[in-house]
């Protein structure tokens, strides 16, 4: 993900450790360090065609209301496996995901295809 951070151009401010910890507690997981580092730099990043779900920021509720917690608890796609955390989307219904292993999120990044409900690993971190 460090290579990805170098490619991001954004003026969206990042979030604090407190905001990240709140999202982790609500989801019952611990995010990978590289993911946390990215969100400290920028919230709701766009990487290519993918838009990462924001982490709720009390200072910017209007732009962060549709956050990662909401996406995984309130509007979660029915076909998404329980061991996946959706972290972003591409506008087609496909989701960018992390996999949960023993309450910890694995560093690998996956695409979940909404039409087939298949999952492909696309990055080691």
Protein backbone atom coordinates (compact mmCIF):
# COMPACT_ATOMS: atom_id res chain seq x y z
CA UNK A 1 0.00 0.00 0.00
CA UNK A 2 3.02 2.33 0.38
CA UNK A 3 3.29 2.51 -3.41
CA UNK A 4 -0.38 3.45 -3.53
CA UNK A 5 0.11 6.25 -0.99
CA UNK A 6 2.71 7.78 -3.30
CA UNK A 7 0.16 7.83 -6.18
CA UNK A 8 -2.63 9.60 -4.30
CA UNK A 9 -3.22 13.25 -5.00
CA UNK A 10 -5.84 14.71 -2.70
CA UNK A 11 -6.77 17.71 -0.66
CA UNK A 12 -9.03 15.67 1.64
CA UNK A 13 -7.68 15.81 5.19
CA UNK A 14 -6.85 12.65 7.08
CA UNK A 15 -8.38 11.40 10.30
CA UNK A 16 -6.97 10.91 13.79
CA UNK A 17 -5.98 7.73 15.59
CA UNK A 18 -9.11 8.21 17.71
CA UNK A 19 -11.34 8.15 14.59
CA UNK A 20 -9.59 5.03 13.30
CA UNK A 21 -9.84 3.28 16.68
CA UNK A 22 -13.56 4.07 16.84
CA UNK A 23 -14.15 2.44 13.44
CA UNK A 24 -12.07 -0.60 14.47
CA UNK A 25 -14.06 -1.01 17.69
CA UNK A 26 -17.40 -0.73 15.89
CA UNK A 27 -16.34 -3.35 13.34
CA UNK A 28 -14.58 -5.54 15.91
CA UNK A 29 -11.30 -5.65 13.96
CA UNK A 30 -7.82 -4.12 13.79
CA UNK A 31 -6.87 -2.49 10.50
CA UNK A 32 -3.44 -3.09 8.94
CA UNK A 33 -0.88 -0.38 9.77
CA UNK A 34 -0.50 0.70 6.14
CA UNK A 35 -4.26 1.25 5.90
CA UNK A 36 -4.20 3.36 9.06
CA UNK A 37 -1.26 5.38 7.71
CA UNK A 38 -3.17 6.07 4.49
CA UNK A 39 -6.22 7.34 6.38
CA UNK A 40 -4.09 9.59 8.57
CA UNK A 41 -2.95 11.26 5.34
CA UNK A 42 -6.29 11.37 3.52
CA UNK A 43 -9.83 10.22 4.20
CA UNK A 44 -12.03 8.82 1.40
CA UNK A 45 -9.14 8.39 -1.02
CA UNK A 46 -9.61 7.59 -4.70
CA UNK A 47 -7.16 5.15 -6.25
CA UNK A 48 -7.79 4.62 -9.94
CA UNK A 49 -11.44 3.61 -10.32
CA UNK A 50 -11.72 2.70 -6.62
CA UNK A 51 -13.12 5.00 -3.95
CA UNK A 52 -12.22 3.97 -0.42
CA UNK A 53 -14.99 4.37 2.13
CA UNK A 54 -14.18 7.15 4.58
CA UNK A 55 -13.69 6.76 8.30
CA UNK A 56 -16.27 8.84 10.14
CA UNK A 57 -14.84 12.20 11.16
CA UNK A 58 -16.90 14.21 13.70
CA UNK A 59 -15.37 17.40 12.24
CA UNK A 60 -16.67 16.52 8.78
CA UNK A 61 -19.85 14.45 9.23
CA UNK A 62 -21.44 15.69 6.02
CA UNK A 63 -18.72 14.13 3.87
CA UNK A 64 -18.02 11.06 5.99
CA UNK A 65 -21.53 9.86 6.95
CA UNK A 66 -21.37 6.97 4.44
CA UNK A 67 -18.36 5.52 6.21
CA UNK A 68 -16.74 2.09 6.37
CA UNK A 69 -18.80 1.13 9.43
CA UNK A 70 -22.10 2.00 7.71
CA UNK A 71 -21.02 0.14 4.57
CA UNK A 72 -20.27 -3.02 6.55
CA UNK A 73 -23.13 -2.93 9.03
CA UNK A 74 -26.13 -1.08 7.57
CA UNK A 75 -25.87 -1.42 3.79
CA UNK A 76 -23.70 -4.54 3.56
CA UNK A 77 -24.25 -6.52 0.37
CA UNK A 78 -26.06 -9.79 1.18
CA UNK A 79 -23.65 -11.93 -0.82
CA UNK A 80 -20.51 -10.59 0.86
CA UNK A 81 -18.93 -13.31 3.01
CA UNK A 82 -18.81 -12.70 6.76
CA UNK A 83 -15.00 -12.84 6.78
CA UNK A 84 -14.70 -9.87 4.39
CA UNK A 85 -14.63 -6.18 5.29
CA UNK A 86 -15.57 -3.94 2.40
CA UNK A 87 -13.20 -0.97 2.20
CA UNK A 88 -14.14 0.57 -1.15
CA UNK A 89 -16.09 0.32 -4.37
CA UNK A 90 -15.70 1.09 -8.05
CA UNK A 91 -19.24 2.18 -8.93
CA UNK A 92 -20.19 -1.16 -10.54
CA UNK A 93 -21.15 -2.99 -7.36
CA UNK A 94 -17.77 -4.70 -7.01
CA UNK A 95 -16.05 -4.18 -3.65
CA UNK A 96 -12.47 -3.82 -2.54
CA UNK A 97 -12.06 -5.89 0.64
CA UNK A 98 -9.84 -7.09 3.43
CA UNK A 99 -10.26 -10.58 4.89
CA UNK A 100 -10.67 -11.09 8.64
CA UNK A 101 -8.53 -13.83 10.17
CA UNK A 102 -8.97 -14.35 13.94
CA UNK A 103 -10.40 -10.84 14.49
CA UNK A 104 -7.42 -9.28 12.69
CA UNK A 105 -7.52 -8.04 9.14
CA UNK A 106 -5.05 -9.74 6.84
CA UNK A 107 -2.85 -7.35 4.85
CA UNK A 108 -3.95 -8.81 1.51
CA UNK A 109 -6.45 -6.87 -0.60
CA UNK A 110 -9.25 -8.62 -2.51
CA UNK A 111 -11.91 -7.77 -5.06
CA UNK A 112 -15.36 -9.19 -4.42
CA UNK A 113 -17.35 -9.40 -7.66
CA UNK A 114 -21.03 -8.69 -6.95
CA UNK A 115 -22.38 -10.58 -9.96
CA UNK A 116 -20.63 -13.88 -9.22
CA UNK A 117 -19.78 -13.39 -5.52
CA UNK A 118 -16.26 -14.60 -6.35
CA UNK A 119 -13.22 -13.19 -4.56
CA UNK A 120 -9.80 -12.59 -6.11
CA UNK A 121 -6.64 -11.50 -4.30
CA UNK A 122 -5.22 -8.44 -6.06
CA UNK A 123 -2.46 -7.23 -3.72
CA UNK A 124 -0.33 -8.57 -0.88
CA UNK A 125 -0.87 -5.34 1.05
